[in-house]
Amino acid sequence: MNQIAEFRARVQKHTEDIWVDEPKDIFLIKNGYIPSGAGRANQYFSPLVMLSGEVRALGIQIFPRLLEFARSGKFSLEQLKYMIDSMLRLDCGVIAFFGLREYGDVLVEFRKLSAEIETMEEMSGALEDMFTLTNRYQLWLFQIFPWYLSVHFPKTNRDELQKLCEAIDSI
């Protein structure tokens, strides 16, 4: 079995393992532990917000588009490799730092191995696997996010906003 096939098998197994059972790195974040120490003022909320945004973008924008490009026939394998390298560069640097070490390591490995992929079929398969794994992580992050904090950010209405503007203007 070649490196790409081995990688795909590991990603598929990891996805299966976390389908119902919470990943270890999600458990650690949820309980306030980030191995890198990320999070100013002794809190883990800001890394959680960062991770939620980055993983959501990977799951609903980056990997679906890359998969679409791979299947479209409009891009060469070399162009796709360049896109992958470019589009994942930032995320590979921050995902593990902000607490998703296991997923971050997989993302880094995918970015490196994608340069070795020899066929568009193999690339599409690897992208499908990463797309599924990423969205599973995104769903776990969604589950642990403290949505109840939103009560501290109530919406305003037009009349309240007008009063606020008038009060500011009177200063």
C-alpha atoms as a PDB file:
ATOM      1  CA  MET A   1       0.000   0.000   0.000  1.00  0.00           C
ATOM      2  CA  ASN A   2       1.429   3.405  -0.933  1.00  0.00           C
ATOM      3  CA  GLN A   3       1.658   6.442   1.363  1.00  0.00           C
ATOM      4  CA  ILE A   4      -1.497   8.045  -0.010  1.00  0.00           C
ATOM      5  CA  ALA A   5      -3.547   4.876   0.409  1.00  0.00           C
ATOM      6  CA  GLU A   6      -2.222   4.439   3.960  1.00  0.00           C
ATOM      7  CA  PHE A   7      -3.036   8.054   4.756  1.00  0.00           C
ATOM      8  CA  ARG A   8      -6.563   7.700   3.354  1.00  0.00           C
ATOM      9  CA  ALA A   9      -7.144   4.538   5.383  1.00  0.00           C
ATOM     10  CA  ARG A  10      -6.044   6.330   8.586  1.00  0.00           C
ATOM     11  CA  VAL A  11      -8.275   9.337   7.842  1.00  0.00           C
ATOM     12  CA  GLN A  12     -11.262   7.071   7.128  1.00  0.00           C
ATOM     13  CA  LYS A  13     -10.650   5.166  10.373  1.00  0.00           C
ATOM     14  CA  HIS A  14     -10.270   8.397  12.342  1.00  0.00           C
ATOM     15  CA  THR A  15     -13.512   9.721  10.854  1.00  0.00           C
ATOM     16  CA  GLU A  16     -15.291   6.501  11.789  1.00  0.00           C
ATOM     17  CA  ASP A  17     -13.829   6.625  15.314  1.00  0.00           C
ATOM     18  CA  ILE A  18     -15.123  10.156  15.941  1.00  0.00           C
ATOM     19  CA  TRP A  19     -18.468   9.774  14.226  1.00  0.00           C
ATOM     20  CA  VAL A  20     -20.184   9.226  17.583  1.00  0.00           C
ATOM     21  CA  ASP A  21     -17.327   9.388  20.076  1.00  0.00           C
ATOM     22  CA  GLU A  22     -15.881  12.809  20.839  1.00  0.00           C
ATOM     23  CA  PRO A  23     -12.284  13.294  19.624  1.00  0.00           C
ATOM     24  CA  LYS A  24      -9.682  13.605  22.362  1.00  0.00           C
ATOM     25  CA  ASP A  25      -8.600  17.073  21.237  1.00  0.00           C
ATOM     26  CA  ILE A  26     -12.222  18.312  21.360  1.00  0.00           C
ATOM     27  CA  PHE A  27     -12.567  16.838  24.870  1.00  0.00           C
ATOM     28  CA  LEU A  28      -9.416  18.670  25.987  1.00  0.00           C
ATOM     29  CA  ILE A  29     -10.556  22.019  24.572  1.00  0.00           C
ATOM     30  CA  LYS A  30     -14.039  21.610  26.024  1.00  0.00           C
ATOM     31  CA  ASN A  31     -12.438  21.139  29.412  1.00  0.00           C
ATOM     32  CA  GLY A  32     -10.180  24.164  29.080  1.00  0.00           C
ATOM     33  CA  TYR A  33      -6.876  22.482  28.238  1.00  0.00           C
ATOM     34  CA  ILE A  34      -4.880  23.605  25.201  1.00  0.00           C
ATOM     35  CA  PRO A  35      -1.420  21.985  25.173  1.00  0.00           C
ATOM     36  CA  SER A  36       0.243  24.967  23.447  1.00  0.00           C
ATOM     37  CA  GLY A  37      -1.057  27.347  26.110  1.00  0.00           C
ATOM     38  CA  ALA A  38      -2.987  29.395  23.519  1.00  0.00           C
ATOM     39  CA  GLY A  39      -5.572  31.761  24.971  1.00  0.00           C
ATOM     40  CA  ARG A  40      -4.882  35.175  26.474  1.00  0.00           C
ATOM     41  CA  ALA A  41      -5.756  36.000  30.065  1.00  0.00           C
ATOM     42  CA  ASN A  42      -5.960  32.342  31.091  1.00  0.00           C
ATOM     43  CA  GLN A  43      -9.043  31.521  29.005  1.00  0.00           C
ATOM     44  CA  TYR A  44      -9.767  29.156  26.094  1.00  0.00           C
ATOM     45  CA  PHE A  45     -12.737  30.989  24.575  1.00  0.00           C
ATOM     46  CA  SER A  46     -10.743  32.938  21.982  1.00  0.00           C
ATOM     47  CA  PRO A  47      -8.941  29.824  20.640  1.00  0.00           C
ATOM     48  CA  LEU A  48     -12.307  28.057  20.507  1.00  0.00           C
ATOM     49  CA  VAL A  49     -13.775  30.929  18.464  1.00  0.00           C
ATOM     50  CA  MET A  50     -10.742  30.882  16.162  1.00  0.00           C
ATOM     51  CA  LEU A  51     -10.899  27.115  15.674  1.00  0.00           C
ATOM     52  CA  SER A  52     -14.637  27.153  15.062  1.00  0.00           C
ATOM     53  CA  GLY A  53     -14.225  29.726  12.311  1.00  0.00           C
ATOM     54  CA  GLU A  54     -11.210  28.092  10.679  1.00  0.00           C
ATOM     55  CA  VAL A  55     -12.625  24.563  10.704  1.00  0.00           C
ATOM     56  CA  ARG A  56     -16.018  25.800   9.481  1.00  0.00           C
ATOM     57  CA  ALA A  57     -14.309  27.568   6.566  1.00  0.00           C
ATOM     58  CA  LEU A  58     -12.344  24.424   5.733  1.00  0.00           C
ATOM     59  CA  GLY A  59     -15.456  22.257   5.931  1.00  0.00           C
ATOM     60  CA  ILE A  60     -17.965  24.395   4.068  1.00  0.00           C
ATOM     61  CA  GLN A  61     -15.756  26.386   1.724  1.00  0.00           C
ATOM     62  CA  ILE A  62     -12.196  25.140   1.158  1.00  0.00           C
ATOM     63  CA  PHE A  63     -12.534  21.354   0.890  1.00  0.00           C
ATOM     64  CA  PRO A  64     -15.834  21.419  -1.048  1.00  0.00           C
ATOM     65  CA  ARG A  65     -14.334  23.852  -3.581  1.00  0.00           C
ATOM     66  CA  LEU A  66     -11.137  21.838  -3.927  1.00  0.00           C
ATOM     67  CA  LEU A  67     -13.195  18.700  -4.484  1.00  0.00           C
ATOM     68  CA  GLU A  68     -15.352  20.535  -7.024  1.00  0.00           C
ATOM     69  CA  PHE A  69     -12.209  21.737  -8.837  1.00  0.00           C
ATOM     70  CA  ALA A  70     -10.760  18.214  -8.852  1.00  0.00           C
ATOM     71  CA  ARG A  71     -13.927  16.764 -10.383  1.00  0.00           C
ATOM     72  CA  SER A  72     -14.530  19.599 -12.870  1.00  0.00           C
ATOM     73  CA  GLY A  73     -11.880  18.675 -15.393  1.00  0.00           C
ATOM     74  CA  LYS A  74     -10.977  22.373 -15.663  1.00  0.00           C
ATOM     75  CA  PHE A  75      -7.803  22.197 -13.593  1.00  0.00           C
ATOM     76  CA  SER A  76      -4.667  20.114 -13.946  1.00  0.00           C
ATOM     77  CA  LEU A  77      -3.349  18.019 -11.083  1.00  0.00           C
ATOM     78  CA  GLU A  78      -0.427  20.453 -10.728  1.00  0.00           C
ATOM     79  CA  GLN A  79      -2.798  23.422 -10.462  1.00  0.00           C
ATOM     80  CA  LEU A  80      -4.801  21.608  -7.801  1.00  0.00           C
ATOM     81  CA  LYS A  81      -1.649  20.788  -5.839  1.00  0.00           C
ATOM     82  CA  TYR A  82      -0.725  24.474  -5.910  1.00  0.00           C
ATOM     83  CA  MET A  83      -4.216  25.446  -4.701  1.00  0.00           C
ATOM     84  CA  ILE A  84      -4.049  22.940  -1.847  1.00  0.00           C
ATOM     85  CA  ASP A  85      -0.634  24.135  -0.754  1.00  0.00           C
ATOM     86  CA  SER A  86      -1.723  27.760  -0.883  1.00  0.00           C
ATOM     87  CA  MET A  87      -5.196  27.405   0.632  1.00  0.00           C
ATOM     88  CA  LEU A  88      -4.125  25.212   3.558  1.00  0.00           C
ATOM     89  CA  ARG A  89      -0.878  26.982   4.474  1.00  0.00           C
ATOM     90  CA  LEU A  90      -2.342  29.265   7.154  1.00  0.00           C
ATOM     91  CA  ASP A  91      -4.618  26.624   8.677  1.00  0.00           C
ATOM     92  CA  CYS A  92      -1.728  24.173   8.930  1.00  0.00           C
ATOM     93  CA  GLY A  93       0.064  26.717  11.073  1.00  0.00           C
ATOM     94  CA  VAL A  94      -2.721  27.515  13.523  1.00  0.00           C
ATOM     95  CA  ILE A  95      -5.150  24.594  13.890  1.00  0.00           C
ATOM     96  CA  ALA A  96      -2.890  22.511  16.125  1.00  0.00           C
ATOM     97  CA  PHE A  97      -1.626  25.552  18.042  1.00  0.00           C
ATOM     98  CA  PHE A  98      -5.174  26.524  18.998  1.00  0.00           C
ATOM     99  CA  GLY A  99      -5.935  23.057  20.320  1.00  0.00           C
ATOM    100  CA  LEU A 100      -6.887  20.624  17.555  1.00  0.00           C
ATOM    101  CA  ARG A 101      -3.556  18.848  17.569  1.00  0.00           C
ATOM    102  CA  GLU A 102      -4.755  15.569  16.109  1.00  0.00           C
ATOM    103  CA  TYR A 103      -6.754  17.183  13.315  1.00  0.00           C
ATOM    104  CA  GLY A 104      -3.974  19.734  12.745  1.00  0.00           C
ATOM    105  CA  ASP A 105      -1.437  16.949  12.305  1.00  0.00           C
ATOM    106  CA  VAL A 106      -3.708  15.248   9.751  1.00  0.00           C
ATOM    107  CA  LEU A 107      -4.130  18.542   7.888  1.00  0.00           C
ATOM    108  CA  VAL A 108      -0.364  19.118   7.767  1.00  0.00           C
ATOM    109  CA  GLU A 109       0.208  15.555   6.560  1.00  0.00           C
ATOM    110  CA  PHE A 110      -2.440  15.934   3.846  1.00  0.00           C
ATOM    111  CA  ARG A 111      -0.880  19.166   2.617  1.00  0.00           C
ATOM    112  CA  LYS A 112       2.538  17.491   2.361  1.00  0.00           C
ATOM    113  CA  LEU A 113       1.272  14.257   0.812  1.00  0.00           C
ATOM    114  CA  SER A 114      -0.930  16.026  -1.723  1.00  0.00           C
ATOM    115  CA  ALA A 115       2.251  17.022  -3.563  1.00  0.00           C
ATOM    116  CA  GLU A 116       2.952  13.305  -4.103  1.00  0.00           C
ATOM    117  CA  ILE A 117      -0.455  12.364  -5.522  1.00  0.00           C
ATOM    118  CA  GLU A 118      -0.183  11.131  -9.105  1.00  0.00           C
ATOM    119  CA  THR A 119      -3.757  10.964 -10.389  1.00  0.00           C
ATOM    120  CA  MET A 120      -6.836  13.139 -10.211  1.00  0.00           C
ATOM    121  CA  GLU A 121      -8.825  10.115  -9.028  1.00  0.00           C
ATOM    122  CA  GLU A 122      -6.469   9.649  -6.099  1.00  0.00           C
ATOM    123  CA  MET A 123      -6.647  13.392  -5.353  1.00  0.00           C
ATOM    124  CA  SER A 124     -10.456  13.383  -5.426  1.00  0.00           C
ATOM    125  CA  GLY A 125     -10.547  10.462  -3.027  1.00  0.00           C
ATOM    126  CA  ALA A 126      -8.134  12.106  -0.591  1.00  0.00           C
ATOM    127  CA  LEU A 127     -10.102  15.360  -0.771  1.00  0.00           C
ATOM    128  CA  GLU A 128     -13.364  13.485  -0.072  1.00  0.00           C
ATOM    129  CA  ASP A 129     -11.794  11.900   2.990  1.00  0.00           C
ATOM    130  CA  MET A 130     -10.500  15.249   4.272  1.00  0.00           C
ATOM    131  CA  PHE A 131     -13.858  16.909   3.545  1.00  0.00           C
ATOM    132  CA  THR A 132     -15.701  14.299   5.624  1.00  0.00           C
ATOM    133  CA  LEU A 133     -13.210  14.370   8.507  1.00  0.00           C
ATOM    134  CA  THR A 134     -13.192  18.167   8.574  1.00  0.00           C
ATOM    135  CA  ASN A 135     -16.964  18.380   8.720  1.00  0.00           C
ATOM    136  CA  ARG A 136     -17.098  15.836  11.509  1.00  0.00           C
ATOM    137  CA  TYR A 137     -14.700  18.037  13.506  1.00  0.00           C
ATOM    138  CA  GLN A 138     -16.758  21.091  12.596  1.00  0.00           C
ATOM    139  CA  LEU A 139     -19.873  19.401  13.989  1.00  0.00           C
ATOM    140  CA  TRP A 140     -18.073  18.542  17.230  1.00  0.00           C
ATOM    141  CA  LEU A 141     -16.930  22.157  17.595  1.00  0.00           C
ATOM    142  CA  PHE A 142     -20.493  23.290  16.989  1.00  0.00           C
ATOM    143  CA  GLN A 143     -21.691  20.952  19.761  1.00  0.00           C
ATOM    144  CA  ILE A 144     -19.269  22.268  22.378  1.00  0.00           C
ATOM    145  CA  PHE A 145     -19.486  25.964  21.506  1.00  0.00           C
ATOM    146  CA  PRO A 146     -20.996  27.979  24.392  1.00  0.00           C
ATOM    147  CA  TRP A 147     -23.942  29.342  22.433  1.00  0.00           C
ATOM    148  CA  TYR A 148     -25.666  30.396  25.671  1.00  0.00           C
ATOM    149  CA  LEU A 149     -23.231  33.325  25.866  1.00  0.00           C
ATOM    150  CA  SER A 150     -25.312  34.932  23.139  1.00  0.00           C
ATOM    151  CA  VAL A 151     -27.797  36.138  25.763  1.00  0.00           C
ATOM    152  CA  HIS A 152     -25.202  38.786  26.627  1.00  0.00           C
ATOM    153  CA  PHE A 153     -25.443  40.220  23.105  1.00  0.00           C
ATOM    154  CA  PRO A 154     -29.110  41.166  22.735  1.00  0.00           C
ATOM    155  CA  LYS A 155     -30.355  42.664  19.494  1.00  0.00           C
ATOM    156  CA  THR A 156     -31.636  46.197  19.454  1.00  0.00           C
ATOM    157  CA  ASN A 157     -34.570  47.652  17.557  1.00  0.00           C
ATOM    158  CA  ARG A 158     -34.855  50.775  15.447  1.00  0.00           C
ATOM    159  CA  ASP A 159     -36.329  52.922  18.247  1.00  0.00           C
ATOM    160  CA  GLU A 160     -33.612  51.945  20.737  1.00  0.00           C
ATOM    161  CA  LEU A 161     -30.957  52.629  18.120  1.00  0.00           C
ATOM    162  CA  GLN A 162     -32.449  56.047  17.380  1.00  0.00           C
ATOM    163  CA  LYS A 163     -32.364  56.928  21.097  1.00  0.00           C
ATOM    164  CA  LEU A 164     -28.741  55.849  21.279  1.00  0.00           C
ATOM    165  CA  CYS A 165     -27.828  57.982  18.249  1.00  0.00           C
ATOM    166  CA  GLU A 166     -29.592  60.983  19.770  1.00  0.00           C
ATOM    167  CA  ALA A 167     -27.777  60.481  23.059  1.00  0.00           C
ATOM    168  CA  ILE A 168     -24.425  60.321  21.240  1.00  0.00           C
ATOM    169  CA  ASP A 169     -25.245  63.429  19.215  1.00  0.00           C
ATOM    170  CA  SER A 170     -26.050  65.344  22.418  1.00  0.00           C
ATOM    171  CA  ILE A 171     -22.588  64.705  23.859  1.00  0.00           C
END
